[in-house]
């Protein structure tokens, strides 16, 4: 009986863990970190509104120092998410919990950081740190939206095909084109050869992000090879299939680029923010 009860308990725990694994990090623990972030923002606003002080609290007041300390601590802690990702440790501080806290507490910094400034904006290192913080939060919001919406688009684009399978399908079409283009005239054959010779991934970062390939040799070949003969019609059909397969591959590349590109902005901005915060803190204590 004890063994059966222990097995039932382990089954219940495993079931709860599986259910938890399927919950989005945004909904983690019933939006626990959203409520904590809202509470932090609410207390900060309430404190700012109730303090009877002239001039109003700013970065140089005791309340400003309090909010500044909270904000600095949050920024340093939230920036450690990358370190946490490299540690395989479910525990109380699972990666999902940390990511959820990262998102919601990061958003609360808009309130905490703004109240810390006391709405005093100028051309100085203090405002630079504030602006960098807002930019980091903005890129983070893009990242959340991207990871919430784009994976489904990537899955639909692939049509249950892996990247290797998509490339194999393109290679198979190319072999058929090499054979089918033999009877064509010189001009049309050259268009097909140029299409086959061009790197399928050529176009650079801009093309990959936008999905536009204005110099696509396959598109030129498709426009240049008519259907005047049976051979040309077969080549035209194969070129259309090649263009469709290229569109699928490039679509997958575009979605993956949109998923990843924000990190190339978010992380450098975070590093710049920490550097500006160090300058901000040092200058405050130097002139204090």
C-alpha atoms as a PDB file:
ATOM      1  CA  UNK A   1       0.000   0.000   0.000  1.00  0.00           C
ATOM      2  CA  UNK A   2       2.841   2.382   0.856  1.00  0.00           C
ATOM      3  CA  UNK A   3       4.521   1.626  -2.463  1.00  0.00           C
ATOM      4  CA  UNK A   4       1.291   2.253  -4.327  1.00  0.00           C
ATOM      5  CA  UNK A   5       0.737   5.544  -2.472  1.00  0.00           C
ATOM      6  CA  UNK A   6       4.317   6.628  -3.208  1.00  0.00           C
ATOM      7  CA  UNK A   7       3.867   5.792  -6.881  1.00  0.00           C
ATOM      8  CA  UNK A   8       0.610   7.747  -7.020  1.00  0.00           C
ATOM      9  CA  UNK A   9       2.298  10.734  -5.386  1.00  0.00           C
ATOM     10  CA  UNK A  10       5.183  10.649  -7.874  1.00  0.00           C
ATOM     11  CA  UNK A  11       2.691  10.354 -10.751  1.00  0.00           C
ATOM     12  CA  UNK A  12       0.787  13.394  -9.432  1.00  0.00           C
ATOM     13  CA  UNK A  13       4.018  15.386  -9.162  1.00  0.00           C
ATOM     14  CA  UNK A  14       5.102  14.384 -12.679  1.00  0.00           C
ATOM     15  CA  UNK A  15       1.678  15.335 -14.042  1.00  0.00           C
ATOM     16  CA  UNK A  16       1.854  18.763 -12.372  1.00  0.00           C
ATOM     17  CA  UNK A  17       5.369  19.255 -13.748  1.00  0.00           C
ATOM     18  CA  UNK A  18       4.212  18.397 -17.276  1.00  0.00           C
ATOM     19  CA  UNK A  19       1.268  20.793 -16.954  1.00  0.00           C
ATOM     20  CA  UNK A  20       3.670  23.494 -15.762  1.00  0.00           C
ATOM     21  CA  UNK A  21       5.978  22.841 -18.729  1.00  0.00           C
ATOM     22  CA  UNK A  22       3.116  23.620 -21.135  1.00  0.00           C
ATOM     23  CA  UNK A  23       2.297  26.955 -19.486  1.00  0.00           C
ATOM     24  CA  UNK A  24       3.796  30.029 -21.128  1.00  0.00           C
ATOM     25  CA  UNK A  25       6.425  31.926 -19.138  1.00  0.00           C
ATOM     26  CA  UNK A  26       4.049  34.903 -19.303  1.00  0.00           C
ATOM     27  CA  UNK A  27       1.412  32.900 -17.389  1.00  0.00           C
ATOM     28  CA  UNK A  28       3.861  31.279 -14.994  1.00  0.00           C
ATOM     29  CA  UNK A  29       2.349  30.506 -11.591  1.00  0.00           C
ATOM     30  CA  UNK A  30      -0.876  32.327 -12.395  1.00  0.00           C
ATOM     31  CA  UNK A  31       0.878  35.538 -13.507  1.00  0.00           C
ATOM     32  CA  UNK A  32       2.754  35.685 -10.201  1.00  0.00           C
ATOM     33  CA  UNK A  33       5.433  38.087 -11.453  1.00  0.00           C
ATOM     34  CA  UNK A  34       2.889  40.301 -13.179  1.00  0.00           C
ATOM     35  CA  UNK A  35       1.166  40.873  -9.836  1.00  0.00           C
ATOM     36  CA  UNK A  36       4.489  41.477  -8.105  1.00  0.00           C
ATOM     37  CA  UNK A  37       5.475  43.996 -10.801  1.00  0.00           C
ATOM     38  CA  UNK A  38       2.097  45.731 -10.520  1.00  0.00           C
ATOM     39  CA  UNK A  39       2.466  45.884  -6.739  1.00  0.00           C
ATOM     40  CA  UNK A  40       5.949  47.382  -7.045  1.00  0.00           C
ATOM     41  CA  UNK A  41       4.725  49.952  -9.570  1.00  0.00           C
ATOM     42  CA  UNK A  42       1.671  50.765  -7.457  1.00  0.00           C
ATOM     43  CA  UNK A  43       3.665  51.252  -4.255  1.00  0.00           C
ATOM     44  CA  UNK A  44       6.171  53.444  -6.110  1.00  0.00           C
ATOM     45  CA  UNK A  45       3.401  55.626  -7.541  1.00  0.00           C
ATOM     46  CA  UNK A  46       1.573  55.807  -4.225  1.00  0.00           C
ATOM     47  CA  UNK A  47       4.732  56.803  -2.379  1.00  0.00           C
ATOM     48  CA  UNK A  48       5.517  59.502  -4.922  1.00  0.00           C
ATOM     49  CA  UNK A  49       1.964  60.859  -4.742  1.00  0.00           C
ATOM     50  CA  UNK A  50       1.717  60.910  -0.924  1.00  0.00           C
ATOM     51  CA  UNK A  51       5.100  62.399  -0.084  1.00  0.00           C
ATOM     52  CA  UNK A  52       4.565  66.028   0.905  1.00  0.00           C
ATOM     53  CA  UNK A  53       7.821  67.570  -0.166  1.00  0.00           C
ATOM     54  CA  UNK A  54       8.836  70.686  -2.075  1.00  0.00           C
ATOM     55  CA  UNK A  55      10.307  70.462  -4.569  1.00  0.00           C
ATOM     56  CA  UNK A  56       8.740  67.198  -5.571  1.00  0.00           C
ATOM     57  CA  UNK A  57      10.874  64.051  -5.048  1.00  0.00           C
ATOM     58  CA  UNK A  58      13.624  63.641  -7.647  1.00  0.00           C
ATOM     59  CA  UNK A  59      16.800  61.636  -8.097  1.00  0.00           C
ATOM     60  CA  UNK A  60      18.545  63.668  -5.396  1.00  0.00           C
ATOM     61  CA  UNK A  61      15.901  63.190  -2.696  1.00  0.00           C
ATOM     62  CA  UNK A  62      15.731  60.305  -0.228  1.00  0.00           C
ATOM     63  CA  UNK A  63      12.826  58.837  -2.198  1.00  0.00           C
ATOM     64  CA  UNK A  64      14.765  59.220  -5.431  1.00  0.00           C
ATOM     65  CA  UNK A  65      17.730  57.390  -3.914  1.00  0.00           C
ATOM     66  CA  UNK A  66      15.413  54.626  -2.721  1.00  0.00           C
ATOM     67  CA  UNK A  67      13.857  54.131  -6.149  1.00  0.00           C
ATOM     68  CA  UNK A  68      17.280  54.430  -7.783  1.00  0.00           C
ATOM     69  CA  UNK A  69      18.667  51.680  -5.571  1.00  0.00           C
ATOM     70  CA  UNK A  70      15.690  49.434  -6.330  1.00  0.00           C
ATOM     71  CA  UNK A  71      16.005  50.137 -10.054  1.00  0.00           C
ATOM     72  CA  UNK A  72      19.758  49.503 -10.100  1.00  0.00           C
ATOM     73  CA  UNK A  73      19.346  46.242  -8.219  1.00  0.00           C
ATOM     74  CA  UNK A  74      16.620  45.101 -10.616  1.00  0.00           C
ATOM     75  CA  UNK A  75      18.648  45.952 -13.705  1.00  0.00           C
ATOM     76  CA  UNK A  76      21.716  44.081 -12.474  1.00  0.00           C
ATOM     77  CA  UNK A  77      19.634  41.072 -11.444  1.00  0.00           C
ATOM     78  CA  UNK A  78      17.595  41.001 -14.658  1.00  0.00           C
ATOM     79  CA  UNK A  79      20.759  41.182 -16.754  1.00  0.00           C
ATOM     80  CA  UNK A  80      21.823  37.844 -15.235  1.00  0.00           C
ATOM     81  CA  UNK A  81      19.148  35.984 -17.227  1.00  0.00           C
ATOM     82  CA  UNK A  82      21.804  35.003 -19.768  1.00  0.00           C
ATOM     83  CA  UNK A  83      23.854  33.416 -16.990  1.00  0.00           C
ATOM     84  CA  UNK A  84      20.791  31.523 -15.738  1.00  0.00           C
ATOM     85  CA  UNK A  85      20.115  30.165 -19.249  1.00  0.00           C
ATOM     86  CA  UNK A  86      23.463  28.391 -19.171  1.00  0.00           C
ATOM     87  CA  UNK A  87      22.626  26.543 -15.962  1.00  0.00           C
ATOM     88  CA  UNK A  88      20.476  23.431 -16.158  1.00  0.00           C
ATOM     89  CA  UNK A  89      18.731  23.665 -12.818  1.00  0.00           C
ATOM     90  CA  UNK A  90      14.927  23.486 -12.535  1.00  0.00           C
ATOM     91  CA  UNK A  91      14.558  24.158  -8.782  1.00  0.00           C
ATOM     92  CA  UNK A  92      12.635  27.052  -7.306  1.00  0.00           C
ATOM     93  CA  UNK A  93      14.289  29.454  -9.707  1.00  0.00           C
ATOM     94  CA  UNK A  94      13.550  27.646 -12.936  1.00  0.00           C
ATOM     95  CA  UNK A  95      14.380  29.290 -16.218  1.00  0.00           C
ATOM     96  CA  UNK A  96      10.673  29.855 -16.868  1.00  0.00           C
ATOM     97  CA  UNK A  97      10.263  31.621 -13.509  1.00  0.00           C
ATOM     98  CA  UNK A  98      13.332  33.776 -14.123  1.00  0.00           C
ATOM     99  CA  UNK A  99      12.159  34.690 -17.628  1.00  0.00           C
ATOM    100  CA  UNK A 100       8.705  35.602 -16.320  1.00  0.00           C
ATOM    101  CA  UNK A 101      10.277  37.803 -13.642  1.00  0.00           C
ATOM    102  CA  UNK A 102      12.622  39.293 -16.242  1.00  0.00           C
ATOM    103  CA  UNK A 103       9.701  40.400 -18.412  1.00  0.00           C
ATOM    104  CA  UNK A 104       7.349  41.793 -15.787  1.00  0.00           C
ATOM    105  CA  UNK A 105       9.896  43.351 -13.436  1.00  0.00           C
ATOM    106  CA  UNK A 106      11.625  44.798 -16.482  1.00  0.00           C
ATOM    107  CA  UNK A 107       8.385  46.532 -17.432  1.00  0.00           C
ATOM    108  CA  UNK A 108       7.966  47.857 -13.889  1.00  0.00           C
ATOM    109  CA  UNK A 109      11.270  49.700 -14.362  1.00  0.00           C
ATOM    110  CA  UNK A 110       9.414  52.154 -16.607  1.00  0.00           C
ATOM    111  CA  UNK A 111       7.540  53.358 -13.513  1.00  0.00           C
ATOM    112  CA  UNK A 112      10.407  53.017 -11.027  1.00  0.00           C
ATOM    113  CA  UNK A 113      12.974  54.620 -13.323  1.00  0.00           C
ATOM    114  CA  UNK A 114      10.715  57.489 -14.378  1.00  0.00           C
ATOM    115  CA  UNK A 115       9.786  58.357 -10.794  1.00  0.00           C
ATOM    116  CA  UNK A 116      13.471  58.147  -9.865  1.00  0.00           C
ATOM    117  CA  UNK A 117      14.234  60.899 -12.396  1.00  0.00           C
ATOM    118  CA  UNK A 118      11.571  63.120 -10.863  1.00  0.00           C
ATOM    119  CA  UNK A 119      10.724  64.021 -14.474  1.00  0.00           C
ATOM    120  CA  UNK A 120      13.972  65.997 -14.701  1.00  0.00           C
ATOM    121  CA  UNK A 121      15.415  65.386 -18.155  1.00  0.00           C
ATOM    122  CA  UNK A 122      18.567  66.980 -19.507  1.00  0.00           C
ATOM    123  CA  UNK A 123      21.660  66.467 -21.645  1.00  0.00           C
ATOM    124  CA  UNK A 124      23.671  64.463 -19.129  1.00  0.00           C
ATOM    125  CA  UNK A 125      24.753  60.938 -18.226  1.00  0.00           C
ATOM    126  CA  UNK A 126      21.723  60.519 -15.939  1.00  0.00           C
ATOM    127  CA  UNK A 127      19.277  61.024 -18.801  1.00  0.00           C
ATOM    128  CA  UNK A 128      21.461  58.828 -21.026  1.00  0.00           C
ATOM    129  CA  UNK A 129      21.052  55.964 -18.554  1.00  0.00           C
ATOM    130  CA  UNK A 130      17.281  56.570 -18.448  1.00  0.00           C
ATOM    131  CA  UNK A 131      16.953  56.600 -22.243  1.00  0.00           C
ATOM    132  CA  UNK A 132      19.071  53.458 -22.584  1.00  0.00           C
ATOM    133  CA  UNK A 133      16.851  51.757 -20.019  1.00  0.00           C
ATOM    134  CA  UNK A 134      13.748  52.608 -22.056  1.00  0.00           C
ATOM    135  CA  UNK A 135      15.420  51.311 -25.236  1.00  0.00           C
ATOM    136  CA  UNK A 136      16.359  48.057 -23.522  1.00  0.00           C
ATOM    137  CA  UNK A 137      12.757  47.655 -22.342  1.00  0.00           C
ATOM    138  CA  UNK A 138      11.407  48.457 -25.824  1.00  0.00           C
ATOM    139  CA  UNK A 139      13.633  45.840 -27.488  1.00  0.00           C
ATOM    140  CA  UNK A 140      12.648  43.403 -24.758  1.00  0.00           C
ATOM    141  CA  UNK A 141       8.971  43.964 -25.548  1.00  0.00           C
ATOM    142  CA  UNK A 142       9.711  43.179 -29.197  1.00  0.00           C
ATOM    143  CA  UNK A 143      11.461  39.984 -28.098  1.00  0.00           C
ATOM    144  CA  UNK A 144       8.467  38.869 -26.043  1.00  0.00           C
ATOM    145  CA  UNK A 145       6.079  39.522 -28.937  1.00  0.00           C
ATOM    146  CA  UNK A 146       8.409  37.745 -31.361  1.00  0.00           C
ATOM    147  CA  UNK A 147       8.725  34.609 -29.225  1.00  0.00           C
ATOM    148  CA  UNK A 148       4.980  34.587 -28.565  1.00  0.00           C
ATOM    149  CA  UNK A 149       3.938  34.779 -32.233  1.00  0.00           C
ATOM    150  CA  UNK A 150       6.730  33.837 -34.660  1.00  0.00           C
ATOM    151  CA  UNK A 151       7.357  30.161 -33.729  1.00  0.00           C
ATOM    152  CA  UNK A 152       3.845  29.289 -34.930  1.00  0.00           C
ATOM    153  CA  UNK A 153       4.547  31.087 -38.219  1.00  0.00           C
ATOM    154  CA  UNK A 154       7.841  29.214 -38.553  1.00  0.00           C
ATOM    155  CA  UNK A 155       6.107  25.885 -38.003  1.00  0.00           C
ATOM    156  CA  UNK A 156       3.404  26.717 -40.574  1.00  0.00           C
ATOM    157  CA  UNK A 157       5.994  27.861 -43.110  1.00  0.00           C
ATOM    158  CA  UNK A 158       7.961  24.616 -42.850  1.00  0.00           C
ATOM    159  CA  UNK A 159       4.881  22.475 -43.563  1.00  0.00           C
ATOM    160  CA  UNK A 160       6.241  19.716 -41.305  1.00  0.00           C
ATOM    161  CA  UNK A 161       9.563  19.752 -43.178  1.00  0.00           C
ATOM    162  CA  UNK A 162      12.934  20.100 -41.506  1.00  0.00           C
ATOM    163  CA  UNK A 163      15.566  22.489 -42.861  1.00  0.00           C
ATOM    164  CA  UNK A 164      17.477  19.548 -44.354  1.00  0.00           C
ATOM    165  CA  UNK A 165      14.345  18.267 -46.103  1.00  0.00           C
ATOM    166  CA  UNK A 166      13.658  21.699 -47.613  1.00  0.00           C
ATOM    167  CA  UNK A 167      17.207  21.862 -48.962  1.00  0.00           C
ATOM    168  CA  UNK A 168      16.952  18.300 -50.297  1.00  0.00           C
ATOM    169  CA  UNK A 169      13.738  19.220 -52.128  1.00  0.00           C
ATOM    170  CA  UNK A 170      15.503  22.210 -53.715  1.00  0.00           C
ATOM    171  CA  UNK A 171      18.434  19.999 -54.766  1.00  0.00           C
ATOM    172  CA  UNK A 172      16.053  17.516 -56.386  1.00  0.00           C
ATOM    173  CA  UNK A 173      14.396  20.301 -58.398  1.00  0.00           C
ATOM    174  CA  UNK A 174      17.806  21.597 -59.491  1.00  0.00           C
ATOM    175  CA  UNK A 175      18.778  18.162 -60.835  1.00  0.00           C
ATOM    176  CA  UNK A 176      15.591  18.053 -62.899  1.00  0.00           C
ATOM    177  CA  UNK A 177      16.258  21.565 -64.186  1.00  0.00           C
ATOM    178  CA  UNK A 178      19.785  20.681 -65.326  1.00  0.00           C
ATOM    179  CA  UNK A 179      18.386  17.906 -67.451  1.00  0.00           C
ATOM    180  CA  UNK A 180      15.271  19.719 -68.674  1.00  0.00           C
ATOM    181  CA  UNK A 181      17.194  22.836 -69.769  1.00  0.00           C
ATOM    182  CA  UNK A 182      19.371  20.946 -72.279  1.00  0.00           C
ATOM    183  CA  UNK A 183      17.063  21.483 -75.313  1.00  0.00           C
ATOM    184  CA  UNK A 184      16.627  25.222 -74.646  1.00  0.00           C
ATOM    185  CA  UNK A 185      18.178  27.994 -76.700  1.00  0.00           C
ATOM    186  CA  UNK A 186      21.351  29.696 -75.493  1.00  0.00           C
ATOM    187  CA  UNK A 187      19.691  32.737 -73.919  1.00  0.00           C
ATOM    188  CA  UNK A 188      17.122  30.745 -71.966  1.00  0.00           C
ATOM    189  CA  UNK A 189      19.675  28.114 -70.939  1.00  0.00           C
ATOM    190  CA  UNK A 190      21.956  30.859 -69.604  1.00  0.00           C
ATOM    191  CA  UNK A 191      19.098  32.143 -67.427  1.00  0.00           C
ATOM    192  CA  UNK A 192      18.589  28.685 -65.968  1.00  0.00           C
ATOM    193  CA  UNK A 193      22.346  28.206 -65.417  1.00  0.00           C
ATOM    194  CA  UNK A 194      22.517  31.566 -63.613  1.00  0.00           C
ATOM    195  CA  UNK A 195      19.600  30.539 -61.398  1.00  0.00           C
ATOM    196  CA  UNK A 196      21.259  27.242 -60.495  1.00  0.00           C
ATOM    197  CA  UNK A 197      24.629  28.901 -59.885  1.00  0.00           C
ATOM    198  CA  UNK A 198      23.335  31.596 -57.555  1.00  0.00           C
ATOM    199  CA  UNK A 199      23.646  31.028 -53.829  1.00  0.00           C
ATOM    200  CA  UNK A 200      20.132  30.403 -52.552  1.00  0.00           C
ATOM    201  CA  UNK A 201      20.896  32.428 -49.419  1.00  0.00           C
ATOM    202  CA  UNK A 202      22.535  35.384 -51.190  1.00  0.00           C
ATOM    203  CA  UNK A 203      21.160  38.842 -50.490  1.00  0.00           C
ATOM    204  CA  UNK A 204      22.588  39.815 -47.123  1.00  0.00           C
ATOM    205  CA  UNK A 205      20.985  40.635 -43.796  1.00  0.00           C
ATOM    206  CA  UNK A 206      18.501  43.167 -45.208  1.00  0.00           C
ATOM    207  CA  UNK A 207      17.084  40.661 -47.683  1.00  0.00           C
ATOM    208  CA  UNK A 208      16.892  37.992 -45.019  1.00  0.00           C
ATOM    209  CA  UNK A 209      14.953  40.239 -42.642  1.00  0.00           C
ATOM    210  CA  UNK A 210      12.625  41.766 -45.238  1.00  0.00           C
ATOM    211  CA  UNK A 211      12.191  38.632 -47.343  1.00  0.00           C
ATOM    212  CA  UNK A 212      12.890  40.651 -50.504  1.00  0.00           C
ATOM    213  CA  UNK A 213      15.470  39.365 -52.999  1.00  0.00           C
ATOM    214  CA  UNK A 214      15.458  41.809 -55.942  1.00  0.00           C
ATOM    215  CA  UNK A 215      18.440  40.118 -57.623  1.00  0.00           C
ATOM    216  CA  UNK A 216      16.986  36.631 -57.479  1.00  0.00           C
ATOM    217  CA  UNK A 217      18.225  34.781 -60.597  1.00  0.00           C
ATOM    218  CA  UNK A 218      15.411  32.257 -60.329  1.00  0.00           C
ATOM    219  CA  UNK A 219      12.811  35.028 -60.642  1.00  0.00           C
ATOM    220  CA  UNK A 220      14.627  36.404 -63.710  1.00  0.00           C
ATOM    221  CA  UNK A 221      14.777  32.951 -65.270  1.00  0.00           C
ATOM    222  CA  UNK A 222      11.088  32.368 -64.574  1.00  0.00           C
ATOM    223  CA  UNK A 223      10.249  35.647 -66.350  1.00  0.00           C
ATOM    224  CA  UNK A 224      12.625  34.972 -69.242  1.00  0.00           C
ATOM    225  CA  UNK A 225      11.730  31.380 -70.039  1.00  0.00           C
ATOM    226  CA  UNK A 226       8.374  31.235 -71.768  1.00  0.00           C
ATOM    227  CA  UNK A 227       6.209  28.279 -72.662  1.00  0.00           C
ATOM    228  CA  UNK A 228       6.635  28.401 -76.438  1.00  0.00           C
ATOM    229  CA  UNK A 229       7.707  24.751 -76.621  1.00  0.00           C
ATOM    230  CA  UNK A 230       7.195  21.605 -74.567  1.00  0.00           C
ATOM    231  CA  UNK A 231      10.792  21.833 -73.281  1.00  0.00           C
ATOM    232  CA  UNK A 232      10.383  25.478 -72.299  1.00  0.00           C
ATOM    233  CA  UNK A 233       7.040  24.742 -70.628  1.00  0.00           C
ATOM    234  CA  UNK A 234       8.634  21.949 -68.559  1.00  0.00           C
ATOM    235  CA  UNK A 235      11.510  24.206 -67.532  1.00  0.00           C
ATOM    236  CA  UNK A 236       9.052  26.983 -66.688  1.00  0.00           C
ATOM    237  CA  UNK A 237       7.103  24.590 -64.433  1.00  0.00           C
ATOM    238  CA  UNK A 238      10.285  23.468 -62.678  1.00  0.00           C
ATOM    239  CA  UNK A 239      11.425  27.070 -62.215  1.00  0.00           C
ATOM    240  CA  UNK A 240       8.067  27.873 -60.638  1.00  0.00           C
ATOM    241  CA  UNK A 241       8.562  24.951 -58.242  1.00  0.00           C
ATOM    242  CA  UNK A 242      12.100  26.171 -57.508  1.00  0.00           C
ATOM    243  CA  UNK A 243      10.818  29.683 -56.791  1.00  0.00           C
ATOM    244  CA  UNK A 244       8.185  28.240 -54.453  1.00  0.00           C
ATOM    245  CA  UNK A 245      10.781  26.129 -52.630  1.00  0.00           C
ATOM    246  CA  UNK A 246      13.123  29.114 -52.350  1.00  0.00           C
ATOM    247  CA  UNK A 247      10.270  31.187 -50.924  1.00  0.00           C
ATOM    248  CA  UNK A 248       9.698  28.520 -48.263  1.00  0.00           C
ATOM    249  CA  UNK A 249      13.393  28.382 -47.317  1.00  0.00           C
ATOM    250  CA  UNK A 250      13.744  32.157 -47.301  1.00  0.00           C
ATOM    251  CA  UNK A 251      10.547  32.495 -45.316  1.00  0.00           C
ATOM    252  CA  UNK A 252      11.964  30.208 -42.643  1.00  0.00           C
ATOM    253  CA  UNK A 253      15.215  32.199 -42.633  1.00  0.00           C
ATOM    254  CA  UNK A 254      13.289  35.467 -42.318  1.00  0.00           C
ATOM    255  CA  UNK A 255      11.234  34.275 -39.357  1.00  0.00           C
ATOM    256  CA  UNK A 256      14.342  32.949 -37.613  1.00  0.00           C
ATOM    257  CA  UNK A 257      16.142  36.243 -38.269  1.00  0.00           C
ATOM    258  CA  UNK A 258      13.229  38.185 -36.778  1.00  0.00           C
ATOM    259  CA  UNK A 259      13.408  35.899 -33.743  1.00  0.00           C
ATOM    260  CA  UNK A 260      17.116  36.470 -33.246  1.00  0.00           C
ATOM    261  CA  UNK A 261      17.895  39.974 -34.486  1.00  0.00           C
ATOM    262  CA  UNK A 262      16.490  41.704 -31.396  1.00  0.00           C
ATOM    263  CA  UNK A 263      19.170  40.017 -29.297  1.00  0.00           C
ATOM    264  CA  UNK A 264      21.864  41.745 -31.360  1.00  0.00           C
ATOM    265  CA  UNK A 265      20.299  45.041 -30.255  1.00  0.00           C
ATOM    266  CA  UNK A 266      18.992  44.140 -26.799  1.00  0.00           C
ATOM    267  CA  UNK A 267      22.234  42.730 -25.389  1.00  0.00           C
ATOM    268  CA  UNK A 268      24.575  45.552 -26.545  1.00  0.00           C
ATOM    269  CA  UNK A 269      22.044  48.091 -25.261  1.00  0.00           C
ATOM    270  CA  UNK A 270      21.997  46.288 -21.909  1.00  0.00           C
ATOM    271  CA  UNK A 271      25.793  46.457 -21.708  1.00  0.00           C
ATOM    272  CA  UNK A 272      25.678  50.153 -22.613  1.00  0.00           C
ATOM    273  CA  UNK A 273      22.978  50.683 -19.961  1.00  0.00           C
ATOM    274  CA  UNK A 274      25.096  49.071 -17.240  1.00  0.00           C
ATOM    275  CA  UNK A 275      28.090  51.226 -18.271  1.00  0.00           C
ATOM    276  CA  UNK A 276      25.917  54.363 -18.164  1.00  0.00           C
ATOM    277  CA  UNK A 277      24.526  53.338 -14.771  1.00  0.00           C
ATOM    278  CA  UNK A 278      28.040  52.960 -13.382  1.00  0.00           C
ATOM    279  CA  UNK A 279      28.869  56.461 -14.644  1.00  0.00           C
ATOM    280  CA  UNK A 280      25.574  57.713 -13.226  1.00  0.00           C
ATOM    281  CA  UNK A 281      26.199  56.250  -9.757  1.00  0.00           C
ATOM    282  CA  UNK A 282      29.850  57.344  -9.649  1.00  0.00           C
ATOM    283  CA  UNK A 283      28.951  60.907 -10.651  1.00  0.00           C
ATOM    284  CA  UNK A 284      26.138  61.069  -8.074  1.00  0.00           C
ATOM    285  CA  UNK A 285      28.397  60.003  -5.209  1.00  0.00           C
ATOM    286  CA  UNK A 286      31.242  62.206  -6.465  1.00  0.00           C
ATOM    287  CA  UNK A 287      29.075  65.340  -6.358  1.00  0.00           C
ATOM    288  CA  UNK A 288      26.930  64.258  -3.382  1.00  0.00           C
END
